[in-house]
Protein backbone atom coordinates (compact mmCIF):
# COMPACT_ATOMS: atom_id res chain seq x y z
CA MET A 1 110.42 67.77 88.86
CA SER A 2 111.15 67.39 85.05
CA LYS A 3 110.88 70.16 82.57
CA ARG A 4 107.72 68.45 81.04
CA GLU A 5 106.06 68.15 84.49
CA ARG A 6 106.83 71.90 85.21
CA THR A 7 105.35 72.86 81.93
CA GLY A 8 102.13 70.95 82.62
CA LEU A 9 101.87 72.52 86.06
CA VAL A 10 102.28 76.02 84.49
CA ILE A 11 99.42 75.25 81.89
CA LEU A 12 97.21 74.06 84.85
CA GLY A 13 98.23 77.18 86.75
CA LEU A 14 97.03 79.37 83.91
CA VAL A 15 93.68 77.79 83.84
CA LEU A 16 93.30 77.99 87.61
CA ALA A 17 94.49 81.60 87.78
CA GLY A 18 92.19 82.51 84.84
CA ALA A 19 89.25 80.95 86.72
CA ASN A 20 89.62 83.50 89.48
CA LEU A 21 89.81 86.66 87.35
CA ARG A 22 86.08 87.40 87.08
CA MET A 23 84.03 84.78 89.01
CA PRO A 24 84.54 86.46 92.51
CA ILE A 25 82.77 89.49 91.04
CA THR A 26 80.13 87.91 88.78
CA MET A 27 79.02 85.47 91.49
CA MET A 28 77.89 88.35 93.76
CA PRO A 29 74.78 89.89 92.04
CA PRO A 30 72.60 86.68 92.54
CA LEU A 31 73.57 86.70 96.26
CA LEU A 32 72.65 90.37 96.89
CA PRO A 33 69.11 89.48 98.29
CA ASP A 34 70.71 87.07 100.80
CA LEU A 35 73.41 89.62 101.67
CA LYS A 36 70.82 92.34 102.45
CA ALA A 37 68.74 89.83 104.61
CA GLU A 38 71.67 88.13 106.48
CA ILE A 39 74.19 90.92 107.02
CA GLY A 40 71.98 93.93 106.44
CA LEU A 41 73.79 95.18 103.38
CA PRO A 42 72.27 98.47 102.47
CA THR A 43 70.99 98.92 98.90
CA SER A 44 73.12 102.16 98.72
CA LEU A 45 76.26 100.01 99.28
CA ALA A 46 75.52 97.09 97.01
CA GLY A 47 76.85 98.70 93.89
CA LEU A 48 80.17 99.06 95.65
CA LEU A 49 80.64 95.26 95.19
CA THR A 50 81.29 95.96 91.47
CA THR A 51 82.81 99.47 91.79
CA ILE A 52 85.41 98.56 94.45
CA PRO A 53 87.08 95.88 92.37
CA LEU A 54 87.18 98.22 89.33
CA LEU A 55 88.90 100.96 91.38
CA ALA A 56 91.29 98.42 92.79
CA PHE A 57 92.14 97.32 89.36
CA ALA A 58 92.87 100.96 88.39
CA LEU A 59 95.17 101.66 91.36
CA ALA A 60 96.89 98.30 91.75
CA SER A 61 97.48 97.41 88.04
CA PRO A 62 100.54 99.75 87.45
CA LEU A 63 102.07 98.63 90.72
CA MET A 64 101.64 95.03 89.64
CA GLY A 65 103.26 95.66 86.34
CA LYS A 66 106.17 97.36 87.89
CA ALA A 67 106.65 94.78 90.60
CA GLY A 68 106.53 92.00 88.09
CA ALA A 69 109.17 93.58 85.93
CA GLN A 70 111.44 94.17 88.91
CA HIS A 71 110.98 90.98 90.89
CA GLY A 72 109.57 88.37 88.49
CA SER A 73 106.01 87.90 87.27
CA VAL A 74 105.61 84.41 88.98
CA LYS A 75 106.69 85.64 92.43
CA VAL A 76 104.41 88.69 92.36
CA LEU A 77 101.59 86.55 90.93
CA VAL A 78 101.87 84.18 94.03
CA MET A 79 101.56 87.14 96.27
CA ALA A 80 98.57 88.49 94.31
CA LEU A 81 96.81 85.11 94.58
CA ALA A 82 97.47 85.12 98.31
CA VAL A 83 95.78 88.49 98.63
CA LEU A 84 92.89 87.22 96.51
CA SER A 85 92.46 84.16 98.71
CA VAL A 86 92.42 86.20 101.89
CA GLY A 87 89.81 88.53 100.34
CA SER A 88 87.63 85.62 99.39
CA TYR A 89 87.41 84.24 102.86
CA LEU A 90 87.17 87.68 104.48
CA ARG A 91 83.86 88.11 102.60
CA ILE A 92 82.33 85.11 104.41
CA ILE A 93 82.55 86.89 107.78
CA PRO A 94 78.99 88.12 108.49
CA SER A 95 79.86 91.86 108.49
CA VAL A 96 79.39 94.64 105.90
CA TRP A 97 82.89 95.83 106.57
CA ALA A 98 84.45 92.52 106.13
CA LEU A 99 82.52 92.14 102.90
CA LEU A 100 83.79 95.47 101.52
CA VAL A 101 87.32 95.05 102.76
CA GLY A 102 87.42 91.54 101.30
CA THR A 103 86.10 92.78 98.01
CA ALA A 104 88.92 95.36 97.93
CA ALA A 105 91.52 92.67 98.65
CA LEU A 106 90.01 90.56 95.82
CA GLY A 107 90.25 93.44 93.42
CA ILE A 108 94.02 93.84 94.27
CA GLY A 109 94.58 90.05 93.78
CA ILE A 110 92.54 89.92 90.59
CA ALA A 111 94.62 92.94 89.32
CA GLY A 112 97.83 90.93 89.70
CA GLY A 113 96.37 88.13 87.55
CA ASN A 114 95.04 90.45 84.86
CA VAL A 115 98.51 92.18 84.55
CA LEU A 116 100.85 89.33 85.12
CA LEU A 117 99.38 86.30 83.22
CA PRO A 118 100.13 87.86 79.78
CA ALA A 119 103.77 88.47 80.91
CA VAL A 120 104.09 84.94 82.21
CA ILE A 121 102.82 83.48 79.07
CA LYS A 122 105.26 85.66 76.98
CA ASP A 123 108.13 84.50 79.24
CA ARG A 124 107.34 80.76 79.63
CA PHE A 125 105.66 80.11 76.24
CA PRO A 126 107.22 82.51 73.62
CA GLU A 127 106.44 80.02 70.75
CA SER A 128 102.81 79.47 71.69
CA VAL A 129 101.51 82.69 73.10
CA ALA A 130 98.11 82.47 71.34
CA GLY A 131 97.23 79.03 72.46
CA LYS A 132 98.20 79.60 76.11
CA THR A 133 96.44 82.88 76.20
CA THR A 134 93.26 81.16 74.93
CA LEU A 135 93.45 78.72 77.83
CA TYR A 136 93.27 81.32 80.57
CA THR A 137 90.88 83.82 78.85
CA THR A 138 88.43 81.00 78.17
CA ALA A 139 88.66 79.75 81.77
CA GLN A 140 88.08 83.35 82.86
CA VAL A 141 84.85 83.82 80.85
CA LEU A 142 83.43 80.19 81.34
CA VAL A 143 83.90 80.16 85.06
CA ALA A 144 82.54 83.72 85.37
CA SER A 145 79.42 82.69 83.71
CA LEU A 146 79.07 79.65 85.79
CA GLY A 147 79.49 81.77 88.85
CA THR A 148 76.60 84.05 87.83
CA ALA A 149 74.39 81.12 86.81
CA THR A 150 75.00 78.93 89.99
CA SER A 151 75.87 80.93 93.02
CA GLY A 152 72.25 81.83 93.91
CA ILE A 153 71.14 78.30 93.32
CA VAL A 154 73.87 76.92 95.58
CA ALA A 155 73.02 79.58 98.27
CA SER A 156 69.51 78.29 98.30
CA ARG A 157 70.69 74.76 99.02
CA ILE A 158 73.62 75.34 101.41
CA GLY A 159 73.14 78.85 102.60
CA LEU A 160 74.91 82.13 101.80
CA LYS A 161 78.16 81.36 103.93
CA GLY A 162 78.26 77.81 102.26
CA SER A 163 77.98 79.26 98.78
CA MET A 164 80.63 81.95 99.20
CA GLY A 165 82.90 79.47 101.00
CA LEU A 166 82.55 76.91 98.14
CA PHE A 167 83.36 79.37 95.38
CA ALA A 168 86.15 80.81 97.44
CA VAL A 169 88.04 77.58 97.35
CA LEU A 170 89.22 78.24 93.77
CA GLY A 171 91.58 80.97 95.14
CA PRO A 172 93.65 78.81 97.42
CA ILE A 173 93.76 76.01 94.77
CA ALA A 174 95.28 78.42 92.20
CA LEU A 175 97.62 79.80 94.84
CA ALA A 176 98.85 76.27 95.73
CA ALA A 177 99.59 75.62 91.99
CA TRP A 178 101.52 78.81 91.49
CA LEU A 179 103.40 78.36 94.78
CA LEU A 180 104.60 75.10 93.52
CA ILE A 181 105.53 76.64 90.21
CA TRP A 182 107.49 79.30 91.97
CA ILE A 183 109.30 76.87 94.32
CA SER A 184 110.13 74.37 91.51
CA GLY A 185 110.96 76.80 88.86
CA PRO A 186 114.44 78.62 88.09
CA LYS A 187 115.66 80.80 90.76
CA GLY A 188 115.74 84.60 90.22
CA LYS A 189 113.84 86.55 87.69
CA THR A 190 113.45 84.94 84.34
CA ASP A 191 111.59 87.78 82.69
CA VAL A 192 114.01 90.76 83.01
CA GLU A 193 114.93 91.98 79.57
CA VAL A 194 118.30 93.32 78.26
CA LYS A 195 119.42 95.49 75.57
CA ASN A 196 121.42 93.97 72.60
CA ASP A 197 124.65 95.05 74.39
CA GLY A 198 123.61 93.25 77.62
CA ARG A 199 122.49 96.20 79.70
CA PRO A 200 119.28 95.60 81.74
CA LEU A 201 116.24 97.74 80.94
CA VAL A 202 114.52 97.69 84.28
CA ASP A 203 113.94 101.41 84.30
CA ARG A 204 112.04 101.56 81.02
CA THR A 205 108.59 102.95 81.39
CA PRO A 206 105.77 102.78 78.82
CA TRP A 207 104.25 106.11 80.10
CA ARG A 208 106.61 107.94 77.69
CA SER A 209 105.33 105.91 74.58
CA ARG A 210 102.57 107.32 72.38
CA LEU A 211 101.69 103.86 71.24
CA ALA A 212 101.35 102.65 74.93
CA TRP A 213 98.91 105.54 75.48
CA MET A 214 97.00 104.47 72.37
CA ILE A 215 96.81 100.90 73.86
CA LEU A 216 95.59 102.38 77.15
CA ALA A 217 92.93 104.42 75.32
CA TYR A 218 91.74 101.25 73.42
CA PHE A 219 91.63 99.22 76.69
CA GLY A 220 89.75 101.96 78.42
CA MET A 221 87.09 102.40 75.76
CA GLN A 222 86.46 98.62 75.46
CA SER A 223 86.26 98.43 79.25
CA MET A 224 83.90 101.37 79.43
CA LEU A 225 81.70 99.91 76.68
CA TYR A 226 81.64 96.39 78.37
CA TYR A 227 80.70 97.62 81.92
CA SER A 228 78.39 100.28 80.77
CA LEU A 229 76.41 97.96 78.57
CA LEU A 230 76.51 95.24 81.25
CA THR A 231 74.99 97.73 83.73
CA TRP A 232 72.43 99.52 81.43
CA LEU A 233 71.31 97.19 78.76
CA PRO A 234 68.52 95.57 80.84
CA SER A 235 67.12 99.02 81.49
CA ILE A 236 67.50 100.12 77.80
CA TRP A 237 65.62 96.98 76.67
CA GLN A 238 62.85 97.61 79.29
CA ALA A 239 62.55 101.06 78.09
CA ALA A 240 62.03 99.71 74.62
CA GLY A 241 59.09 97.70 75.75
CA PHE A 242 60.43 94.29 76.84
CA SER A 243 59.56 92.71 80.17
CA ALA A 244 62.19 92.59 82.92
CA VAL A 245 62.52 88.78 82.30
CA VAL A 246 63.06 89.23 78.60
CA ALA A 247 65.50 92.09 79.17
CA GLY A 248 67.47 89.96 81.62
CA ASN A 249 67.58 86.99 79.19
CA LEU A 250 69.00 89.30 76.44
CA ALA A 251 71.50 90.65 78.89
CA THR A 252 72.62 87.04 79.70
CA LEU A 253 72.89 86.31 75.94
CA PHE A 254 75.10 89.37 75.59
CA GLN A 255 77.45 88.02 78.23
CA LEU A 256 77.57 84.54 76.93
CA SER A 257 77.69 84.95 73.12
CA GLY A 258 81.32 86.08 73.14
CA MET A 259 82.63 82.72 74.28
CA PRO A 260 83.49 81.48 70.80
CA LEU A 261 85.72 84.56 70.10
CA THR A 262 87.32 84.50 73.48
CA MET A 263 88.60 81.03 72.47
CA THR A 264 89.70 81.87 69.02
CA VAL A 265 90.90 85.50 68.89
CA PRO A 266 94.41 84.89 70.03
CA LEU A 267 94.65 82.24 67.26
CA ILE A 268 93.14 84.51 64.65
CA ALA A 269 95.59 87.22 65.66
CA GLU A 270 98.56 85.05 64.61
CA ARG A 271 97.26 84.99 61.05
CA LYS A 272 98.11 87.52 58.32
CA HIS A 273 95.81 90.50 58.85
CA GLY A 274 94.44 88.67 61.82
CA LEU A 275 94.61 91.73 64.17
CA ALA A 276 92.82 93.83 61.51
CA ILE A 277 90.02 91.24 61.31
CA VAL A 278 89.57 91.22 65.05
CA ASN A 279 89.59 94.96 65.34
CA GLY A 280 86.87 94.94 62.56
CA ILE A 281 84.80 92.41 64.46
CA ALA A 282 85.07 94.47 67.73
CA GLY A 283 84.16 97.84 66.11
CA GLY A 284 81.63 96.35 63.71
CA GLY A 285 79.91 94.23 66.28
CA PHE A 286 79.50 97.06 68.76
CA ALA A 287 78.25 99.42 66.06
CA LEU A 288 75.70 96.88 64.57
CA GLY A 289 74.53 96.03 68.07
CA ILE A 290 74.03 99.56 69.16
CA LEU A 291 72.39 100.64 65.87
CA GLY A 292 69.96 97.58 66.29
CA ILE A 293 68.79 98.79 69.76
CA LEU A 294 68.37 102.35 68.35
CA ILE A 295 65.52 101.10 66.14
CA PRO A 296 62.29 101.76 68.17
CA GLY A 297 59.95 98.98 69.22
CA ALA A 298 60.24 95.58 71.12
CA ASN A 299 61.40 93.49 68.06
CA LEU A 300 62.80 90.47 69.77
CA PRO A 301 64.67 88.78 66.90
CA LEU A 302 66.36 92.04 66.02
CA ASN A 303 67.43 92.66 69.67
CA VAL A 304 68.71 89.02 69.97
CA VAL A 305 70.97 89.79 66.95
CA SER A 306 72.07 93.00 68.57
CA ALA A 307 72.88 91.26 71.94
CA VAL A 308 74.98 88.63 70.04
CA CYS A 309 76.80 91.25 67.99
CA MET A 310 77.71 93.14 71.14
CA GLY A 311 78.74 90.01 72.98
CA LEU A 312 81.06 89.05 70.16
CA ALA A 313 82.48 92.60 70.06
CA THR A 314 83.13 92.50 73.80
CA ALA A 315 85.06 89.29 73.63
CA ALA A 316 86.97 90.43 70.45
CA SER A 317 87.89 93.87 71.95
CA PHE A 318 89.06 92.46 75.32
CA SER A 319 90.91 89.53 73.80
CA ILE A 320 92.83 91.82 71.31
CA CYS A 321 94.00 93.97 74.22
CA ILE A 322 95.75 90.99 75.69
CA VAL A 323 97.27 90.29 72.23
CA PHE A 324 98.44 94.05 71.97
CA PHE A 325 100.19 93.69 75.37
CA GLN A 326 102.11 90.67 74.20
CA LYS A 327 102.71 91.61 70.48
CA ARG A 328 103.67 95.31 70.96
CA THR A 329 106.42 94.49 73.50
CA THR A 330 109.70 92.57 73.13
CA SER A 331 110.04 91.02 76.58
CA ALA A 332 107.84 89.72 79.47
CA ALA A 333 108.83 92.62 81.76
CA ASP A 334 107.70 95.17 79.11
CA THR A 335 104.39 93.16 78.79
CA ALA A 336 103.90 93.50 82.45
CA ARG A 337 104.56 97.24 82.43
CA LEU A 338 102.35 97.84 79.49
CA SER A 339 99.61 95.67 80.85
CA GLY A 340 99.74 97.51 84.15
CA MET A 341 99.68 100.86 82.55
CA ALA A 342 96.81 100.03 80.20
CA GLN A 343 94.62 98.39 82.74
CA SER A 344 95.15 101.19 85.26
CA GLY A 345 93.67 103.75 83.01
CA GLY A 346 91.18 101.39 81.41
CA TYR A 347 89.46 100.33 84.63
CA LEU A 348 89.21 103.89 85.70
CA PHE A 349 87.15 104.53 82.58
CA ALA A 350 85.19 101.41 83.40
CA ALA A 351 84.39 102.57 86.93
CA ILE A 352 83.28 106.07 85.68
CA GLY A 353 81.41 105.12 82.55
CA PRO A 354 78.34 103.33 83.95
CA VAL A 355 77.89 106.14 86.55
CA ALA A 356 78.27 108.91 84.02
CA LEU A 357 75.83 107.42 81.52
CA GLY A 358 73.28 106.70 84.27
CA ALA A 359 73.55 110.27 85.56
CA LEU A 360 73.08 111.50 81.95
CA ASN A 361 70.01 109.36 81.60
CA GLY A 362 68.60 110.80 84.81
CA LEU A 363 69.03 114.22 83.35
CA LEU A 364 67.67 113.62 79.95
CA HIS A 365 65.13 110.84 80.67
CA THR A 366 65.96 109.14 77.43
CA TRP A 367 68.63 106.66 76.23
CA THR A 368 68.85 107.79 72.57
CA PRO A 369 71.54 110.53 73.14
CA ILE A 370 73.42 108.18 75.36
CA ILE A 371 73.40 105.44 72.72
CA VAL A 372 74.76 108.00 70.21
CA ILE A 373 77.58 108.88 72.63
CA VAL A 374 78.43 105.12 72.93
CA LEU A 375 78.52 104.92 69.07
CA ILE A 376 81.13 107.70 69.14
CA VAL A 377 83.18 105.88 71.52
CA ILE A 378 83.03 102.71 69.31
CA ILE A 379 84.29 104.68 66.32
CA ALA A 380 87.10 106.13 68.43
CA MET A 381 88.08 102.61 69.74
CA PHE A 382 88.09 101.15 66.17
CA THR A 383 90.33 103.98 65.00
CA ALA A 384 92.78 103.53 67.87
CA GLY A 385 92.89 99.83 66.95
CA LEU A 386 93.95 100.72 63.43
CA VAL A 387 96.77 102.89 64.68
CA ILE A 388 97.99 100.26 67.06
CA ILE A 389 97.98 97.58 64.37
CA ARG A 390 100.29 99.74 62.17
CA HIS A 391 103.13 99.78 64.77
CA ARG A 392 105.24 96.87 66.15
CA ASP A 393 106.85 98.11 69.38
CA ILE A 394 105.84 100.57 72.17
CA TYR A 395 109.42 101.72 72.43
CA GLU A 396 109.97 102.43 68.68
CA GLY A 397 112.19 105.59 68.54
CA LEU A 398 112.50 105.82 72.33
CA ASP A 399 115.67 103.67 72.87
């Protein structure tokens, strides 16, 4: 295989892997009624279909980062996609336990993609990091949205098992592409970094770096904001006086409106003051959106603007995290380590946030104090972004 063909295959692999990073989770909510009817999934366990992957991300991410740095990101990514594929098909077995175990396996596999794709891009495409990052993040968001929109419709036509089996095909396709990339690529690890004197740095850890902790905090806060808003925005809008249908439509708008920024943030970040601009969009978009829904009354145009602002902020804050992983490290192995560390803590926040805010609402019976808490998190996230932008390398002063 020529170098040009290998490059094309890696680009295809990025798109295919990106397509698997959210869709296996976002396709499930429309299928919940069928899962309850066909396999007897209790309502009490339905929430685990979202919580289990988030916990798997938190637990598996640092392990994926360490393994990628030690054994090569492509090799570990192949293994992660294999676990993801097995998990996808385990969920088709008509059993609650197979569904939950398959979901856990999916979470581990997705964690591998989340952590290692930024490292692979930094290693394989050091001169075009922004463009290649845009490819996989766009595929991630677009296919996730399609999964939510079509899984229930497909299930009504070909049945629950047919729908889950059809969507599961994406996993093995991505696995086949990356297996071919691994087999046809250079032997050994291509992303192990060395000092200027030639000594390897395989034992470096970002856990001693204050900047790495700041990036973890930023990733954690944007994760908590996204998953908390995704979970509770429909309820907040209904409490404001909108019908369930309108609230659901506003929540869908919130999810989809970030697509333009998902495609452009990596490119904006390459420009002078680009990171500061994106950080401003993230913090400002969240703040404007939250302040908009604080205004009482069912004002539809105002809440449409709020949903769009928060959707744009979600895309900006997630995408800038990927850029931080790549721009605040000097090698692909460091990128894998930092990505693993940040996503470990970040997804722990994401798993706790919706539950904590829901419990607080149950105690207070009002959303207003909770929205104020969210506003405080937004300010803290924006401030952390400013600190991160001022530095260049997580290992400054540590070597």
